[in-house]
Amino acid sequence: MKQAANRLNLNGRIMNISSGLVVRPIPEFSLYCTSKAAIEMMGKVLSMEVGDRSITVNTVSPGPIDTEMFGNSGDDLKAAADD
C-alpha cells in the first residue's frame, strides 16, 4: 500500500479488501482473521499518512462469498454467514 501511495498523484484512491471475520472471528481461522484485521488497521494508518495529498484509503469487508474456503469451512463459518 505504501508503494502504491508513493506512486499516486493528488486525489488518488487505494482500495483494500478485508473480511467480516474481523468483527466475527471463528475457530480455525485465526491467521486469516488477524491478517484481515492488519489490512484494516494498515489502511486506517495509511489514510492518515497520505491525507494531506488528498489520497483516500478505504477498506471494504464483503459478506460471505461462495468460494472453496467457504465451502470447506464447516458449520461455524456458515452459521456466521447466516447472522
PDB file of N, CA and C in Angstrom:
ATOM      1  N   MET A   1       0.819  -1.184   0.000  1.00  0.00           N
ATOM      2  CA  MET A   1       0.000   0.000   0.000  1.00  0.00           C
ATOM      3  C   MET A   1       0.862   1.246   0.000  1.00  0.00           C
ATOM      4  N   LYS A   2       1.917   1.223   0.774  1.00  0.00           N
ATOM      5  CA  LYS A   2       2.761   2.407   0.859  1.00  0.00           C
ATOM      6  C   LYS A   2       3.408   2.711  -0.490  1.00  0.00           C
ATOM      7  N   GLN A   3       3.837   1.666  -1.197  1.00  0.00           N
ATOM      8  CA  GLN A   3       4.410   1.861  -2.528  1.00  0.00           C
ATOM      9  C   GLN A   3       3.362   2.421  -3.484  1.00  0.00           C
ATOM     10  N   ALA A   4       2.156   1.928  -3.389  1.00  0.00           N
ATOM     11  CA  ALA A   4       1.081   2.448  -4.238  1.00  0.00           C
ATOM     12  C   ALA A   4       0.838   3.920  -3.937  1.00  0.00           C
ATOM     13  N   ALA A   5       0.810   4.271  -2.669  1.00  0.00           N
ATOM     14  CA  ALA A   5       0.575   5.659  -2.276  1.00  0.00           C
ATOM     15  C   ALA A   5       1.679   6.568  -2.801  1.00  0.00           C
ATOM     16  N   ASN A   6       2.912   6.085  -2.806  1.00  0.00           N
ATOM     17  CA  ASN A   6       4.029   6.889  -3.304  1.00  0.00           C
ATOM     18  C   ASN A   6       3.910   7.163  -4.802  1.00  0.00           C
ATOM     19  N   ARG A   7       3.217   6.308  -5.525  1.00  0.00           N
ATOM     20  CA  ARG A   7       3.078   6.465  -6.978  1.00  0.00           C
ATOM     21  C   ARG A   7       1.826   7.241  -7.382  1.00  0.00           C
ATOM     22  N   LEU A   8       0.945   7.464  -6.441  1.00  0.00           N
ATOM     23  CA  LEU A   8      -0.314   8.144  -6.764  1.00  0.00           C
ATOM     24  C   LEU A   8      -0.145   9.655  -6.807  1.00  0.00           C
ATOM     25  N   ASN A   9      -0.923  10.273  -7.673  1.00  0.00           N
ATOM     26  CA  ASN A   9      -0.997  11.724  -7.723  1.00  0.00           C
ATOM     27  C   ASN A   9      -1.992  12.198  -6.681  1.00  0.00           C
ATOM     28  N   LEU A  10      -2.163  13.504  -6.615  1.00  0.00           N
ATOM     29  CA  LEU A  10      -3.177  14.060  -5.723  1.00  0.00           C
ATOM     30  C   LEU A  10      -4.536  13.469  -6.056  1.00  0.00           C
ATOM     31  N   ASN A  11      -5.351  13.320  -5.058  1.00  0.00           N
ATOM     32  CA  ASN A  11      -6.719  12.806  -5.199  1.00  0.00           C
ATOM     33  C   ASN A  11      -6.783  11.352  -5.641  1.00  0.00           C
ATOM     34  N   GLY A  12      -5.756  10.574  -5.359  1.00  0.00           N
ATOM     35  CA  GLY A  12      -5.760   9.159  -5.715  1.00  0.00           C
ATOM     36  C   GLY A  12      -6.628   8.347  -4.763  1.00  0.00           C
ATOM     37  N   ARG A  13      -6.802   7.096  -5.101  1.00  0.00           N
ATOM     38  CA  ARG A  13      -7.626   6.183  -4.302  1.00  0.00           C
ATOM     39  C   ARG A  13      -6.907   4.856  -4.120  1.00  0.00           C
ATOM     40  N   ILE A  14      -6.961   4.325  -2.910  1.00  0.00           N
ATOM     41  CA  ILE A  14      -6.465   2.983  -2.608  1.00  0.00           C
ATOM     42  C   ILE A  14      -7.620   2.216  -1.988  1.00  0.00           C
ATOM     43  N   MET A  15      -7.891   1.032  -2.509  1.00  0.00           N
ATOM     44  CA  MET A  15      -8.997   0.205  -2.017  1.00  0.00           C
ATOM     45  C   MET A  15      -8.438  -1.126  -1.529  1.00  0.00           C
ATOM     46  N   ASN A  16      -8.770  -1.492  -0.305  1.00  0.00           N
ATOM     47  CA  ASN A  16      -8.365  -2.766   0.286  1.00  0.00           C
ATOM     48  C   ASN A  16      -9.586  -3.657   0.466  1.00  0.00           C
ATOM     49  N   ILE A  17      -9.351  -4.958   0.448  1.00  0.00           N
ATOM     50  CA  ILE A  17     -10.419  -5.927   0.683  1.00  0.00           C
ATOM     51  C   ILE A  17     -10.123  -6.648   1.998  1.00  0.00           C
ATOM     52  N   SER A  18     -11.062  -6.623   2.908  1.00  0.00           N
ATOM     53  CA  SER A  18     -10.925  -7.290   4.198  1.00  0.00           C
ATOM     54  C   SER A  18     -11.969  -8.397   4.288  1.00  0.00           C
ATOM     55  N   SER A  19     -12.471  -8.634   5.487  1.00  0.00           N
ATOM     56  CA  SER A  19     -13.440  -9.703   5.696  1.00  0.00           C
ATOM     57  C   SER A  19     -14.294  -9.392   6.914  1.00  0.00           C
ATOM     58  N   GLY A  20     -15.523  -9.842   6.868  1.00  0.00           N
ATOM     59  CA  GLY A  20     -16.392  -9.717   8.028  1.00  0.00           C
ATOM     60  C   GLY A  20     -15.902 -10.518   9.223  1.00  0.00           C
ATOM     61  N   LEU A  21     -14.972 -11.441   8.983  1.00  0.00           N
ATOM     62  CA  LEU A  21     -14.438 -12.242  10.089  1.00  0.00           C
ATOM     63  C   LEU A  21     -13.542 -11.428  11.021  1.00  0.00           C
ATOM     64  N   VAL A  22     -13.263 -10.179  10.663  1.00  0.00           N
ATOM     65  CA  VAL A  22     -12.522  -9.304  11.564  1.00  0.00           C
ATOM     66  C   VAL A  22     -13.369  -8.990  12.792  1.00  0.00           C
ATOM     67  N   VAL A  23     -14.661  -8.822  12.595  1.00  0.00           N
ATOM     68  CA  VAL A  23     -15.550  -8.494  13.714  1.00  0.00           C
ATOM     69  C   VAL A  23     -16.313  -9.701  14.228  1.00  0.00           C
ATOM     70  N   ARG A  24     -16.244 -10.794  13.504  1.00  0.00           N
ATOM     71  CA  ARG A  24     -16.924 -12.027  13.927  1.00  0.00           C
ATOM     72  C   ARG A  24     -15.966 -13.212  13.749  1.00  0.00           C
ATOM     73  N   PRO A  25     -14.926 -13.296  14.595  1.00  0.00           N
ATOM     74  CA  PRO A  25     -13.948 -14.379  14.441  1.00  0.00           C
ATOM     75  C   PRO A  25     -14.561 -15.738  14.762  1.00  0.00           C
ATOM     76  N   ILE A  26     -14.020 -16.760  14.124  1.00  0.00           N
ATOM     77  CA  ILE A  26     -14.474 -18.129  14.377  1.00  0.00           C
ATOM     78  C   ILE A  26     -13.262 -19.033  14.520  1.00  0.00           C
ATOM     79  N   PRO A  27     -13.420 -20.162  15.198  1.00  0.00           N
ATOM     80  CA  PRO A  27     -12.308 -21.098  15.379  1.00  0.00           C
ATOM     81  C   PRO A  27     -11.754 -21.578  14.034  1.00  0.00           C
ATOM     82  N   GLU A  28     -10.493 -21.924  14.029  1.00  0.00           N
ATOM     83  CA  GLU A  28      -9.781 -22.457  12.862  1.00  0.00           C
ATOM     84  C   GLU A  28      -9.390 -21.398  11.834  1.00  0.00           C
ATOM     85  N   PHE A  29      -9.711 -20.137  12.076  1.00  0.00           N
ATOM     86  CA  PHE A  29      -9.388 -19.086  11.114  1.00  0.00           C
ATOM     87  C   PHE A  29      -8.556 -17.972  11.756  1.00  0.00           C
ATOM     88  N   SER A  30      -7.746 -18.293  12.753  1.00  0.00           N
ATOM     89  CA  SER A  30      -7.011 -17.255  13.478  1.00  0.00           C
ATOM     90  C   SER A  30      -6.070 -16.467  12.566  1.00  0.00           C
ATOM     91  N   LEU A  31      -5.320 -17.131  11.713  1.00  0.00           N
ATOM     92  CA  LEU A  31      -4.394 -16.416  10.832  1.00  0.00           C
ATOM     93  C   LEU A  31      -5.138 -15.572   9.806  1.00  0.00           C
ATOM     94  N   TYR A  32      -6.190 -16.107   9.258  1.00  0.00           N
ATOM     95  CA  TYR A  32      -6.986 -15.368   8.275  1.00  0.00           C
ATOM     96  C   TYR A  32      -7.582 -14.116   8.915  1.00  0.00           C
ATOM     97  N   CYS A  33      -8.189 -14.280  10.087  1.00  0.00           N
ATOM     98  CA  CYS A  33      -8.821 -13.145  10.768  1.00  0.00           C
ATOM     99  C   CYS A  33      -7.803 -12.068  11.124  1.00  0.00           C
ATOM    100  N   THR A  34      -6.658 -12.468  11.655  1.00  0.00           N
ATOM    101  CA  THR A  34      -5.664 -11.471  12.052  1.00  0.00           C
ATOM    102  C   THR A  34      -5.037 -10.786  10.846  1.00  0.00           C
ATOM    103  N   SER A  35      -4.844 -11.505   9.745  1.00  0.00           N
ATOM    104  CA  SER A  35      -4.274 -10.856   8.557  1.00  0.00           C
ATOM    105  C   SER A  35      -5.243  -9.822   7.993  1.00  0.00           C
ATOM    106  N   LYS A  36      -6.525 -10.112   8.017  1.00  0.00           N
ATOM    107  CA  LYS A  36      -7.513  -9.148   7.528  1.00  0.00           C
ATOM    108  C   LYS A  36      -7.638  -7.960   8.479  1.00  0.00           C
ATOM    109  N   ALA A  37      -7.514  -8.200   9.778  1.00  0.00           N
ATOM    110  CA  ALA A  37      -7.527  -7.099  10.744  1.00  0.00           C
ATOM    111  C   ALA A  37      -6.320  -6.188  10.522  1.00  0.00           C
ATOM    112  N   ALA A  38      -5.182  -6.779  10.199  1.00  0.00           N
ATOM    113  CA  ALA A  38      -3.979  -5.992   9.923  1.00  0.00           C
ATOM    114  C   ALA A  38      -4.176  -5.114   8.692  1.00  0.00           C
ATOM    115  N   ILE A  39      -4.828  -5.645   7.671  1.00  0.00           N
ATOM    116  CA  ILE A  39      -5.102  -4.856   6.468  1.00  0.00           C
ATOM    117  C   ILE A  39      -5.984  -3.660   6.814  1.00  0.00           C
ATOM    118  N   GLU A  40      -6.986  -3.878   7.651  1.00  0.00           N
ATOM    119  CA  GLU A  40      -7.866  -2.771   8.041  1.00  0.00           C
ATOM    120  C   GLU A  40      -7.102  -1.689   8.789  1.00  0.00           C
ATOM    121  N   MET A  41      -6.254  -2.083   9.735  1.00  0.00           N
ATOM    122  CA  MET A  41      -5.500  -1.099  10.503  1.00  0.00           C
ATOM    123  C   MET A  41      -4.476  -0.386   9.629  1.00  0.00           C
ATOM    124  N   MET A  42      -3.821  -1.124   8.745  1.00  0.00           N
ATOM    125  CA  MET A  42      -2.851  -0.507   7.850  1.00  0.00           C
ATOM    126  C   MET A  42      -3.539   0.543   6.973  1.00  0.00           C
ATOM    127  N   GLY A  43      -4.740   0.245   6.515  1.00  0.00           N
ATOM    128  CA  GLY A  43      -5.489   1.214   5.726  1.00  0.00           C
ATOM    129  C   GLY A  43      -5.817   2.468   6.518  1.00  0.00           C
ATOM    130  N   LYS A  44      -6.204   2.309   7.773  1.00  0.00           N
ATOM    131  CA  LYS A  44      -6.522   3.467   8.616  1.00  0.00           C
ATOM    132  C   LYS A  44      -5.296   4.346   8.832  1.00  0.00           C
ATOM    133  N   VAL A  45      -4.167   3.710   9.142  1.00  0.00           N
ATOM    134  CA  VAL A  45      -2.943   4.470   9.390  1.00  0.00           C
ATOM    135  C   VAL A  45      -2.457   5.142   8.107  1.00  0.00           C
ATOM    136  N   LEU A  46      -2.474   4.401   6.997  1.00  0.00           N
ATOM    137  CA  LEU A  46      -2.020   4.980   5.734  1.00  0.00           C
ATOM    138  C   LEU A  46      -2.889   6.163   5.329  1.00  0.00           C
ATOM    139  N   SER A  47      -4.187   6.092   5.604  1.00  0.00           N
ATOM    140  CA  SER A  47      -5.055   7.223   5.250  1.00  0.00           C
ATOM    141  C   SER A  47      -4.642   8.483   6.006  1.00  0.00           C
ATOM    142  N   MET A  48      -4.156   8.338   7.226  1.00  0.00           N
ATOM    143  CA  MET A  48      -3.661   9.487   7.979  1.00  0.00           C
ATOM    144  C   MET A  48      -2.354  10.001   7.385  1.00  0.00           C
ATOM    145  N   GLU A  49      -1.532   9.088   6.904  1.00  0.00           N
ATOM    146  CA  GLU A  49      -0.226   9.473   6.364  1.00  0.00           C
ATOM    147  C   GLU A  49      -0.324  10.170   5.010  1.00  0.00           C
ATOM    148  N   VAL A  50      -1.314   9.839   4.212  1.00  0.00           N
ATOM    149  CA  VAL A  50      -1.411  10.401   2.861  1.00  0.00           C
ATOM    150  C   VAL A  50      -2.579  11.371   2.700  1.00  0.00           C
ATOM    151  N   GLY A  51      -3.290  11.626   3.766  1.00  0.00           N
ATOM    152  CA  GLY A  51      -4.444  12.516   3.694  1.00  0.00           C
ATOM    153  C   GLY A  51      -4.101  13.917   3.230  1.00  0.00           C
ATOM    154  N   ASP A  52      -2.902  14.398   3.552  1.00  0.00           N
ATOM    155  CA  ASP A  52      -2.507  15.739   3.132  1.00  0.00           C
ATOM    156  C   ASP A  52      -2.330  15.845   1.618  1.00  0.00           C
ATOM    157  N   ARG A  53      -2.247  14.714   0.933  1.00  0.00           N
ATOM    158  CA  ARG A  53      -2.159  14.688  -0.537  1.00  0.00           C
ATOM    159  C   ARG A  53      -3.521  14.362  -1.156  1.00  0.00           C
ATOM    160  N   SER A  54      -4.556  14.383  -0.341  1.00  0.00           N
ATOM    161  CA  SER A  54      -5.932  14.091  -0.785  1.00  0.00           C
ATOM    162  C   SER A  54      -6.063  12.708  -1.399  1.00  0.00           C
ATOM    163  N   ILE A  55      -5.284  11.761  -0.879  1.00  0.00           N
ATOM    164  CA  ILE A  55      -5.405  10.364  -1.291  1.00  0.00           C
ATOM    165  C   ILE A  55      -6.341   9.682  -0.307  1.00  0.00           C
ATOM    166  N   THR A  56      -7.340   9.005  -0.818  1.00  0.00           N
ATOM    167  CA  THR A  56      -8.323   8.311   0.001  1.00  0.00           C
ATOM    168  C   THR A  56      -7.963   6.836   0.090  1.00  0.00           C
ATOM    169  N   VAL A  57      -7.998   6.298   1.297  1.00  0.00           N
ATOM    170  CA  VAL A  57      -7.751   4.870   1.515  1.00  0.00           C
ATOM    171  C   VAL A  57      -9.003   4.281   2.152  1.00  0.00           C
ATOM    172  N   ASN A  58      -9.593   3.296   1.502  1.00  0.00           N
ATOM    173  CA  ASN A  58     -10.791   2.639   2.017  1.00  0.00           C
ATOM    174  C   ASN A  58     -10.570   1.138   2.094  1.00  0.00           C
ATOM    175  N   THR A  59     -11.282   0.523   3.011  1.00  0.00           N
ATOM    176  CA  THR A  59     -11.268  -0.928   3.139  1.00  0.00           C
ATOM    177  C   THR A  59     -12.713  -1.405   3.157  1.00  0.00           C
ATOM    178  N   VAL A  60     -13.023  -2.368   2.320  1.00  0.00           N
ATOM    179  CA  VAL A  60     -14.365  -2.942   2.303  1.00  0.00           C
ATOM    180  C   VAL A  60     -14.305  -4.360   2.852  1.00  0.00           C
ATOM    181  N   SER A  61     -15.362  -4.747   3.517  1.00  0.00           N
ATOM    182  CA  SER A  61     -15.461  -6.086   4.098  1.00  0.00           C
ATOM    183  C   SER A  61     -16.719  -6.756   3.567  1.00  0.00           C
ATOM    184  N   PRO A  62     -16.593  -7.466   2.459  1.00  0.00           N
ATOM    185  CA  PRO A  62     -17.784  -8.108   1.895  1.00  0.00           C
ATOM    186  C   PRO A  62     -18.275  -9.241   2.785  1.00  0.00           C
ATOM    187  N   GLY A  63     -19.509  -9.583   2.606  1.00  0.00           N
ATOM    188  CA  GLY A  63     -20.069 -10.721   3.323  1.00  0.00           C
ATOM    189  C   GLY A  63     -19.563 -12.021   2.728  1.00  0.00           C
ATOM    190  N   PRO A  64     -20.139 -13.129   3.137  1.00  0.00           N
ATOM    191  CA  PRO A  64     -19.687 -14.439   2.662  1.00  0.00           C
ATOM    192  C   PRO A  64     -19.785 -14.557   1.139  1.00  0.00           C
ATOM    193  N   ILE A  65     -18.762 -15.133   0.567  1.00  0.00           N
ATOM    194  CA  ILE A  65     -18.714 -15.382  -0.872  1.00  0.00           C
ATOM    195  C   ILE A  65     -18.494 -16.872  -1.059  1.00  0.00           C
ATOM    196  N   ASP A  66     -19.237 -17.468  -1.938  1.00  0.00           N
ATOM    197  CA  ASP A  66     -19.174 -18.916  -2.151  1.00  0.00           C
ATOM    198  C   ASP A  66     -17.862 -19.300  -2.834  1.00  0.00           C
ATOM    199  N   THR A  67     -16.847 -19.549  -2.013  1.00  0.00           N
ATOM    200  CA  THR A  67     -15.535 -19.961  -2.505  1.00  0.00           C
ATOM    201  C   THR A  67     -15.201 -21.325  -1.923  1.00  0.00           C
ATOM    202  N   GLU A  68     -14.083 -21.874  -2.341  1.00  0.00           N
ATOM    203  CA  GLU A  68     -13.648 -23.164  -1.805  1.00  0.00           C
ATOM    204  C   GLU A  68     -13.419 -23.075  -0.297  1.00  0.00           C
ATOM    205  N   MET A  69     -12.824 -21.963   0.162  1.00  0.00           N
ATOM    206  CA  MET A  69     -12.591 -21.795   1.596  1.00  0.00           C
ATOM    207  C   MET A  69     -13.913 -21.830   2.356  1.00  0.00           C
ATOM    208  N   PHE A  70     -14.903 -21.139   1.838  1.00  0.00           N
ATOM    209  CA  PHE A  70     -16.203 -21.097   2.496  1.00  0.00           C
ATOM    210  C   PHE A  70     -16.860 -22.475   2.487  1.00  0.00           C
ATOM    211  N   GLY A  71     -16.786 -23.170   1.372  1.00  0.00           N
ATOM    212  CA  GLY A  71     -17.415 -24.482   1.255  1.00  0.00           C
ATOM    213  C   GLY A  71     -16.807 -25.536   2.149  1.00  0.00           C
ATOM    214  N   ASN A  72     -15.507 -25.410   2.436  1.00  0.00           N
ATOM    215  CA  ASN A  72     -14.804 -26.391   3.267  1.00  0.00           C
ATOM    216  C   ASN A  72     -14.665 -25.954   4.716  1.00  0.00           C
ATOM    217  N   SER A  73     -15.347 -24.894   5.103  1.00  0.00           N
ATOM    218  CA  SER A  73     -15.098 -24.290   6.408  1.00  0.00           C
ATOM    219  C   SER A  73     -15.841 -24.926   7.565  1.00  0.00           C
ATOM    220  N   GLY A  74     -16.869 -25.653   7.307  1.00  0.00           N
ATOM    221  CA  GLY A  74     -17.625 -26.247   8.402  1.00  0.00           C
ATOM    222  C   GLY A  74     -18.756 -25.349   8.860  1.00  0.00           C
ATOM    223  N   ASP A  75     -19.385 -25.768   9.924  1.00  0.00           N
ATOM    224  CA  ASP A  75     -20.611 -25.116  10.386  1.00  0.00           C
ATOM    225  C   ASP A  75     -20.396 -23.743  11.006  1.00  0.00           C
ATOM    226  N   ASP A  76     -19.222 -23.489  11.653  1.00  0.00           N
ATOM    227  CA  ASP A  76     -19.012 -22.203  12.317  1.00  0.00           C
ATOM    228  C   ASP A  76     -19.087 -21.038  11.337  1.00  0.00           C
ATOM    229  N   LEU A  77     -18.398 -21.160  10.218  1.00  0.00           N
ATOM    230  CA  LEU A  77     -18.404 -20.077   9.238  1.00  0.00           C
ATOM    231  C   LEU A  77     -19.771 -19.939   8.588  1.00  0.00           C
ATOM    232  N   LYS A  78     -20.406 -21.042   8.304  1.00  0.00           N
ATOM    233  CA  LYS A  78     -21.732 -20.983   7.683  1.00  0.00           C
ATOM    234  C   LYS A  78     -22.758 -20.372   8.635  1.00  0.00           C
ATOM    235  N   ALA A  79     -22.640 -20.668   9.917  1.00  0.00           N
ATOM    236  CA  ALA A  79     -23.539 -20.064  10.906  1.00  0.00           C
ATOM    237  C   ALA A  79     -23.286 -18.562  11.003  1.00  0.00           C
ATOM    238  N   ALA A  80     -22.025 -18.160  10.940  1.00  0.00           N
ATOM    239  CA  ALA A  80     -21.698 -16.733  10.980  1.00  0.00           C
ATOM    240  C   ALA A  80     -22.273 -16.022   9.763  1.00  0.00           C
ATOM    241  N   ALA A  81     -22.279 -16.690   8.624  1.00  0.00           N
ATOM    242  CA  ALA A  81     -22.825 -16.101   7.395  1.00  0.00           C
ATOM    243  C   ALA A  81     -24.325 -15.889   7.509  1.00  0.00           C
ATOM    244  N   ASP A  82     -24.990 -16.730   8.256  1.00  0.00           N
ATOM    245  CA  ASP A  82     -26.438 -16.616   8.400  1.00  0.00           C
ATOM    246  C   ASP A  82     -26.847 -15.458   9.301  1.00  0.00           C
ATOM    247  N   ASP A  83     -25.916 -15.002  10.152  1.00  0.00           N
ATOM    248  CA  ASP A  83     -26.233 -13.910  11.091  1.00  0.00           C
ATOM    249  C   ASP A  83     -26.333 -12.585  10.434  1.00  0.00           C
TER     250      ASP A  83
END
